[in-house]
């Protein structure tokens, strides 16, 4: 999938075309399972065997394309966790056209819509893995990401920076969940402050 993305991102001008290229690659893998031999010499799949639902090849992803000045971002959501935006101390869900994961494009009745989101100076866009929102406390309660970000950012007298938010999430999820059963990934984006020459 990563190789397909790297190739498609260089060759195709739109997010939807990049997603379509990855869809095709994953569908080919799904429909043509590997025949490498297992430990006893048998192939991984016998001819005629169809992979079941557990063997489906797909990946959730969100594709982002920033404008040259990073004040706008185009979003194509393929089954990913919703992005969050921190603006003026408030954390909110970013609108997107939530669609099926990559590898399932052949099941879509229409191509998913690309949504453009505007970023003002100081705004922070946050993408994260489901390991963050599926972390559970001792009572089994999922980590309430938006609410925890909101509480952390509200009323701050100093500027909030992307690195600080990611560090907060890393430490706060560890405090919330006694054990973690999945990987934790969080990435924060912020437009650079305009220079005095602009």
C-alpha atoms as a PDB file:
ATOM      1  CA  UNK A   1       0.000   0.000   0.000  1.00  0.00           C
ATOM      2  CA  UNK A   2       2.783   2.435   0.887  1.00  0.00           C
ATOM      3  CA  UNK A   3       4.600   1.760  -2.390  1.00  0.00           C
ATOM      4  CA  UNK A   4       1.369   2.324  -4.324  1.00  0.00           C
ATOM      5  CA  UNK A   5       0.815   5.596  -2.484  1.00  0.00           C
ATOM      6  CA  UNK A   6       4.344   6.833  -3.153  1.00  0.00           C
ATOM      7  CA  UNK A   7       3.993   6.077  -6.844  1.00  0.00           C
ATOM      8  CA  UNK A   8       0.453   7.458  -7.191  1.00  0.00           C
ATOM      9  CA  UNK A   9       1.221  10.670  -5.292  1.00  0.00           C
ATOM     10  CA  UNK A  10       3.921  11.493  -7.848  1.00  0.00           C
ATOM     11  CA  UNK A  11       1.883  10.577 -10.927  1.00  0.00           C
ATOM     12  CA  UNK A  12      -1.683  11.645 -10.169  1.00  0.00           C
ATOM     13  CA  UNK A  13      -2.879  15.206  -9.584  1.00  0.00           C
ATOM     14  CA  UNK A  14      -5.892  14.511  -7.336  1.00  0.00           C
ATOM     15  CA  UNK A  15      -6.486  12.713  -4.046  1.00  0.00           C
ATOM     16  CA  UNK A  16      -9.290  10.667  -5.584  1.00  0.00           C
ATOM     17  CA  UNK A  17      -6.925   9.336  -8.288  1.00  0.00           C
ATOM     18  CA  UNK A  18      -4.326   8.453  -5.651  1.00  0.00           C
ATOM     19  CA  UNK A  19      -6.974   6.588  -3.665  1.00  0.00           C
ATOM     20  CA  UNK A  20      -8.177   4.768  -6.781  1.00  0.00           C
ATOM     21  CA  UNK A  21      -4.632   3.581  -7.519  1.00  0.00           C
ATOM     22  CA  UNK A  22      -4.226   2.213  -3.982  1.00  0.00           C
ATOM     23  CA  UNK A  23      -7.677   0.609  -4.232  1.00  0.00           C
ATOM     24  CA  UNK A  24      -6.608  -1.266  -7.358  1.00  0.00           C
ATOM     25  CA  UNK A  25      -3.366  -2.481  -5.756  1.00  0.00           C
ATOM     26  CA  UNK A  26      -5.160  -3.780  -2.662  1.00  0.00           C
ATOM     27  CA  UNK A  27      -7.917  -5.376  -4.728  1.00  0.00           C
ATOM     28  CA  UNK A  28      -5.284  -7.189  -6.804  1.00  0.00           C
ATOM     29  CA  UNK A  29      -3.712  -8.522  -3.604  1.00  0.00           C
ATOM     30  CA  UNK A  30      -7.113  -9.572  -2.343  1.00  0.00           C
ATOM     31  CA  UNK A  31      -8.100 -11.342  -5.560  1.00  0.00           C
ATOM     32  CA  UNK A  32      -4.668 -12.924  -6.119  1.00  0.00           C
ATOM     33  CA  UNK A  33      -3.502 -14.192  -2.713  1.00  0.00           C
ATOM     34  CA  UNK A  34       0.166 -15.169  -2.350  1.00  0.00           C
ATOM     35  CA  UNK A  35       1.106 -18.760  -3.064  1.00  0.00           C
ATOM     36  CA  UNK A  36       4.236 -18.888  -0.893  1.00  0.00           C
ATOM     37  CA  UNK A  37       4.602 -22.347   0.680  1.00  0.00           C
ATOM     38  CA  UNK A  38       3.817 -22.832   4.330  1.00  0.00           C
ATOM     39  CA  UNK A  39       6.199 -24.672   6.690  1.00  0.00           C
ATOM     40  CA  UNK A  40       4.984 -28.086   5.539  1.00  0.00           C
ATOM     41  CA  UNK A  41       5.380 -27.242   1.848  1.00  0.00           C
ATOM     42  CA  UNK A  42       1.676 -26.544   1.186  1.00  0.00           C
ATOM     43  CA  UNK A  43       0.797 -23.198  -0.467  1.00  0.00           C
ATOM     44  CA  UNK A  44      -0.653 -20.444   1.707  1.00  0.00           C
ATOM     45  CA  UNK A  45      -3.894 -20.813  -0.284  1.00  0.00           C
ATOM     46  CA  UNK A  46      -4.931 -23.822  -2.302  1.00  0.00           C
ATOM     47  CA  UNK A  47      -6.106 -23.065  -5.860  1.00  0.00           C
ATOM     48  CA  UNK A  48      -9.789 -22.210  -5.853  1.00  0.00           C
ATOM     49  CA  UNK A  49      -9.831 -21.142  -2.220  1.00  0.00           C
ATOM     50  CA  UNK A  50     -11.396 -17.724  -1.768  1.00  0.00           C
ATOM     51  CA  UNK A  51     -10.198 -15.581   1.122  1.00  0.00           C
ATOM     52  CA  UNK A  52     -12.914 -15.139   3.738  1.00  0.00           C
ATOM     53  CA  UNK A  53     -13.915 -11.889   5.455  1.00  0.00           C
ATOM     54  CA  UNK A  54     -11.029 -12.214   7.929  1.00  0.00           C
ATOM     55  CA  UNK A  55      -8.604 -12.345   4.992  1.00  0.00           C
ATOM     56  CA  UNK A  56      -9.883  -9.188   3.295  1.00  0.00           C
ATOM     57  CA  UNK A  57      -7.110  -6.829   2.271  1.00  0.00           C
ATOM     58  CA  UNK A  58      -7.994  -3.254   3.212  1.00  0.00           C
ATOM     59  CA  UNK A  59      -6.676  -0.273   5.153  1.00  0.00           C
ATOM     60  CA  UNK A  60      -8.286   2.745   6.727  1.00  0.00           C
ATOM     61  CA  UNK A  61      -6.606   5.979   5.697  1.00  0.00           C
ATOM     62  CA  UNK A  62      -7.069   9.698   5.401  1.00  0.00           C
ATOM     63  CA  UNK A  63      -5.331  11.422   2.487  1.00  0.00           C
ATOM     64  CA  UNK A  64      -4.375  15.070   2.978  1.00  0.00           C
ATOM     65  CA  UNK A  65      -3.189  17.669   0.507  1.00  0.00           C
ATOM     66  CA  UNK A  66      -2.161  21.068   1.843  1.00  0.00           C
ATOM     67  CA  UNK A  67      -2.243  24.275  -0.136  1.00  0.00           C
ATOM     68  CA  UNK A  68       1.100  25.962  -0.801  1.00  0.00           C
ATOM     69  CA  UNK A  69       0.665  28.293   2.190  1.00  0.00           C
ATOM     70  CA  UNK A  70      -0.854  25.471   4.325  1.00  0.00           C
ATOM     71  CA  UNK A  71      -3.943  27.594   5.028  1.00  0.00           C
ATOM     72  CA  UNK A  72      -6.237  24.997   3.440  1.00  0.00           C
ATOM     73  CA  UNK A  73      -6.204  21.231   3.410  1.00  0.00           C
ATOM     74  CA  UNK A  74      -8.073  18.879   1.092  1.00  0.00           C
ATOM     75  CA  UNK A  75      -9.281  15.744   2.892  1.00  0.00           C
ATOM     76  CA  UNK A  76     -10.229  12.358   1.457  1.00  0.00           C
ATOM     77  CA  UNK A  77     -11.432  10.052   4.242  1.00  0.00           C
ATOM     78  CA  UNK A  78     -11.354   6.315   3.559  1.00  0.00           C
ATOM     79  CA  UNK A  79     -12.676   4.789   6.771  1.00  0.00           C
ATOM     80  CA  UNK A  80     -10.293   6.652   9.062  1.00  0.00           C
ATOM     81  CA  UNK A  81     -10.875   8.170  12.470  1.00  0.00           C
ATOM     82  CA  UNK A  82     -12.279  11.709  12.060  1.00  0.00           C
ATOM     83  CA  UNK A  83      -9.691  14.478  12.126  1.00  0.00           C
ATOM     84  CA  UNK A  84      -9.853  17.028  14.926  1.00  0.00           C
ATOM     85  CA  UNK A  85      -9.130  20.735  14.767  1.00  0.00           C
ATOM     86  CA  UNK A  86      -8.018  22.885  17.691  1.00  0.00           C
ATOM     87  CA  UNK A  87      -9.061  26.482  17.042  1.00  0.00           C
ATOM     88  CA  UNK A  88      -9.072  29.292  19.603  1.00  0.00           C
ATOM     89  CA  UNK A  89      -8.812  26.788  22.452  1.00  0.00           C
ATOM     90  CA  UNK A  90     -11.740  24.641  21.245  1.00  0.00           C
ATOM     91  CA  UNK A  91     -11.438  21.097  19.863  1.00  0.00           C
ATOM     92  CA  UNK A  92     -13.908  20.068  17.164  1.00  0.00           C
ATOM     93  CA  UNK A  93     -14.430  17.294  14.629  1.00  0.00           C
ATOM     94  CA  UNK A  94     -13.432  18.231  11.070  1.00  0.00           C
ATOM     95  CA  UNK A  95     -16.090  17.620   8.436  1.00  0.00           C
ATOM     96  CA  UNK A  96     -15.263  14.916   5.895  1.00  0.00           C
ATOM     97  CA  UNK A  97     -17.056  12.495   3.586  1.00  0.00           C
ATOM     98  CA  UNK A  98     -16.460   9.302   5.598  1.00  0.00           C
ATOM     99  CA  UNK A  99     -16.226   6.378   3.199  1.00  0.00           C
ATOM    100  CA  UNK A 100     -15.197   2.719   2.952  1.00  0.00           C
ATOM    101  CA  UNK A 101     -11.542   1.803   3.586  1.00  0.00           C
ATOM    102  CA  UNK A 102      -8.997   1.568   0.799  1.00  0.00           C
ATOM    103  CA  UNK A 103      -9.218  -1.802  -0.893  1.00  0.00           C
ATOM    104  CA  UNK A 104     -13.026  -1.663  -0.897  1.00  0.00           C
ATOM    105  CA  UNK A 105     -13.432   0.944  -3.622  1.00  0.00           C
ATOM    106  CA  UNK A 106     -15.177  -1.576  -5.852  1.00  0.00           C
ATOM    107  CA  UNK A 107     -18.043  -1.612  -3.322  1.00  0.00           C
ATOM    108  CA  UNK A 108     -18.618   2.142  -3.443  1.00  0.00           C
ATOM    109  CA  UNK A 109     -21.702   3.281  -5.420  1.00  0.00           C
ATOM    110  CA  UNK A 110     -20.073   6.685  -6.050  1.00  0.00           C
ATOM    111  CA  UNK A 111     -16.544   8.017  -5.452  1.00  0.00           C
ATOM    112  CA  UNK A 112     -16.102   9.655  -2.044  1.00  0.00           C
ATOM    113  CA  UNK A 113     -16.086  13.431  -1.957  1.00  0.00           C
ATOM    114  CA  UNK A 114     -12.951  15.432  -1.191  1.00  0.00           C
ATOM    115  CA  UNK A 115     -13.609  18.139   1.414  1.00  0.00           C
ATOM    116  CA  UNK A 116     -11.577  21.336   1.841  1.00  0.00           C
ATOM    117  CA  UNK A 117     -10.958  22.643   5.366  1.00  0.00           C
ATOM    118  CA  UNK A 118      -9.545  26.116   6.037  1.00  0.00           C
ATOM    119  CA  UNK A 119      -6.797  26.581   8.608  1.00  0.00           C
ATOM    120  CA  UNK A 120      -6.269  29.984  10.202  1.00  0.00           C
ATOM    121  CA  UNK A 121      -2.962  30.974  11.808  1.00  0.00           C
ATOM    122  CA  UNK A 122      -2.670  29.140  15.127  1.00  0.00           C
ATOM    123  CA  UNK A 123      -5.095  26.358  14.174  1.00  0.00           C
ATOM    124  CA  UNK A 124      -3.895  22.777  14.657  1.00  0.00           C
ATOM    125  CA  UNK A 125      -5.129  19.761  12.708  1.00  0.00           C
ATOM    126  CA  UNK A 126      -4.793  16.381  14.443  1.00  0.00           C
ATOM    127  CA  UNK A 127      -4.821  12.913  12.854  1.00  0.00           C
ATOM    128  CA  UNK A 128      -4.612   9.833  15.064  1.00  0.00           C
ATOM    129  CA  UNK A 129      -4.900   6.049  15.039  1.00  0.00           C
ATOM    130  CA  UNK A 130      -7.771   4.111  16.566  1.00  0.00           C
ATOM    131  CA  UNK A 131      -5.366   2.940  19.249  1.00  0.00           C
ATOM    132  CA  UNK A 132      -5.865   6.385  20.831  1.00  0.00           C
ATOM    133  CA  UNK A 133      -9.675   6.369  20.953  1.00  0.00           C
ATOM    134  CA  UNK A 134      -9.888   2.656  21.788  1.00  0.00           C
ATOM    135  CA  UNK A 135      -7.617   2.907  24.841  1.00  0.00           C
ATOM    136  CA  UNK A 136      -9.698   1.936  27.894  1.00  0.00           C
ATOM    137  CA  UNK A 137      -9.464   2.909  31.537  1.00  0.00           C
ATOM    138  CA  UNK A 138      -9.811   0.426  34.398  1.00  0.00           C
ATOM    139  CA  UNK A 139     -13.618   0.486  34.054  1.00  0.00           C
ATOM    140  CA  UNK A 140     -13.452  -0.246  30.324  1.00  0.00           C
ATOM    141  CA  UNK A 141     -14.358   3.297  29.208  1.00  0.00           C
ATOM    142  CA  UNK A 142     -12.856   4.429  25.891  1.00  0.00           C
ATOM    143  CA  UNK A 143     -10.519   7.421  25.920  1.00  0.00           C
ATOM    144  CA  UNK A 144     -12.649  10.536  25.153  1.00  0.00           C
ATOM    145  CA  UNK A 145     -10.161  12.243  22.854  1.00  0.00           C
ATOM    146  CA  UNK A 146     -12.070  15.368  21.833  1.00  0.00           C
ATOM    147  CA  UNK A 147     -13.226  16.097  25.372  1.00  0.00           C
ATOM    148  CA  UNK A 148      -9.738  15.612  26.833  1.00  0.00           C
ATOM    149  CA  UNK A 149      -8.225  17.894  24.190  1.00  0.00           C
ATOM    150  CA  UNK A 150     -10.948  20.450  24.857  1.00  0.00           C
ATOM    151  CA  UNK A 151     -10.252  20.448  28.607  1.00  0.00           C
ATOM    152  CA  UNK A 152      -6.501  20.683  28.003  1.00  0.00           C
ATOM    153  CA  UNK A 153      -6.744  23.597  25.561  1.00  0.00           C
ATOM    154  CA  UNK A 154      -9.548  25.668  27.095  1.00  0.00           C
ATOM    155  CA  UNK A 155      -8.432  28.885  28.730  1.00  0.00           C
ATOM    156  CA  UNK A 156      -4.747  28.525  27.896  1.00  0.00           C
ATOM    157  CA  UNK A 157      -2.956  31.837  28.160  1.00  0.00           C
ATOM    158  CA  UNK A 158      -0.006  30.665  26.054  1.00  0.00           C
ATOM    159  CA  UNK A 159      -0.008  29.533  22.408  1.00  0.00           C
ATOM    160  CA  UNK A 160      -0.719  25.860  21.853  1.00  0.00           C
ATOM    161  CA  UNK A 161       1.871  24.126  19.683  1.00  0.00           C
ATOM    162  CA  UNK A 162       1.624  20.829  17.733  1.00  0.00           C
ATOM    163  CA  UNK A 163       4.477  19.206  19.656  1.00  0.00           C
ATOM    164  CA  UNK A 164       2.871  20.112  22.966  1.00  0.00           C
ATOM    165  CA  UNK A 165      -0.450  18.587  21.927  1.00  0.00           C
ATOM    166  CA  UNK A 166       1.135  15.327  20.792  1.00  0.00           C
ATOM    167  CA  UNK A 167       3.128  15.127  24.048  1.00  0.00           C
ATOM    168  CA  UNK A 168      -0.046  15.784  26.046  1.00  0.00           C
ATOM    169  CA  UNK A 169      -1.904  12.997  24.211  1.00  0.00           C
ATOM    170  CA  UNK A 170       0.940  10.539  24.692  1.00  0.00           C
ATOM    171  CA  UNK A 171       1.066  11.200  28.440  1.00  0.00           C
ATOM    172  CA  UNK A 172      -2.704  11.522  28.943  1.00  0.00           C
ATOM    173  CA  UNK A 173      -3.560   8.245  27.185  1.00  0.00           C
ATOM    174  CA  UNK A 174      -0.900   6.483  29.274  1.00  0.00           C
ATOM    175  CA  UNK A 175      -2.508   7.893  32.433  1.00  0.00           C
ATOM    176  CA  UNK A 176      -5.991   6.884  31.230  1.00  0.00           C
ATOM    177  CA  UNK A 177      -5.268   3.303  30.170  1.00  0.00           C
ATOM    178  CA  UNK A 178      -3.440   0.913  32.535  1.00  0.00           C
ATOM    179  CA  UNK A 179      -2.540  -1.267  29.556  1.00  0.00           C
ATOM    180  CA  UNK A 180      -2.542  -0.554  25.819  1.00  0.00           C
ATOM    181  CA  UNK A 181      -3.599  -3.150  23.277  1.00  0.00           C
ATOM    182  CA  UNK A 182      -2.875  -1.216  20.092  1.00  0.00           C
ATOM    183  CA  UNK A 183      -0.391   1.216  18.624  1.00  0.00           C
ATOM    184  CA  UNK A 184      -0.751   4.917  19.416  1.00  0.00           C
ATOM    185  CA  UNK A 185      -0.138   7.398  16.614  1.00  0.00           C
ATOM    186  CA  UNK A 186      -0.955  11.100  16.637  1.00  0.00           C
ATOM    187  CA  UNK A 187       0.230  13.718  14.151  1.00  0.00           C
ATOM    188  CA  UNK A 188      -0.435  17.437  14.536  1.00  0.00           C
ATOM    189  CA  UNK A 189      -0.200  19.978  11.694  1.00  0.00           C
ATOM    190  CA  UNK A 190      -0.138  23.764  12.021  1.00  0.00           C
ATOM    191  CA  UNK A 191       0.337  26.452   9.348  1.00  0.00           C
ATOM    192  CA  UNK A 192       3.539  28.391   9.831  1.00  0.00           C
ATOM    193  CA  UNK A 193       3.043  31.896  11.148  1.00  0.00           C
ATOM    194  CA  UNK A 194       3.138  34.475   8.339  1.00  0.00           C
ATOM    195  CA  UNK A 195       6.498  36.209   8.071  1.00  0.00           C
ATOM    196  CA  UNK A 196       6.881  39.991   8.385  1.00  0.00           C
ATOM    197  CA  UNK A 197       7.622  40.106   4.648  1.00  0.00           C
ATOM    198  CA  UNK A 198       4.160  38.759   3.733  1.00  0.00           C
END
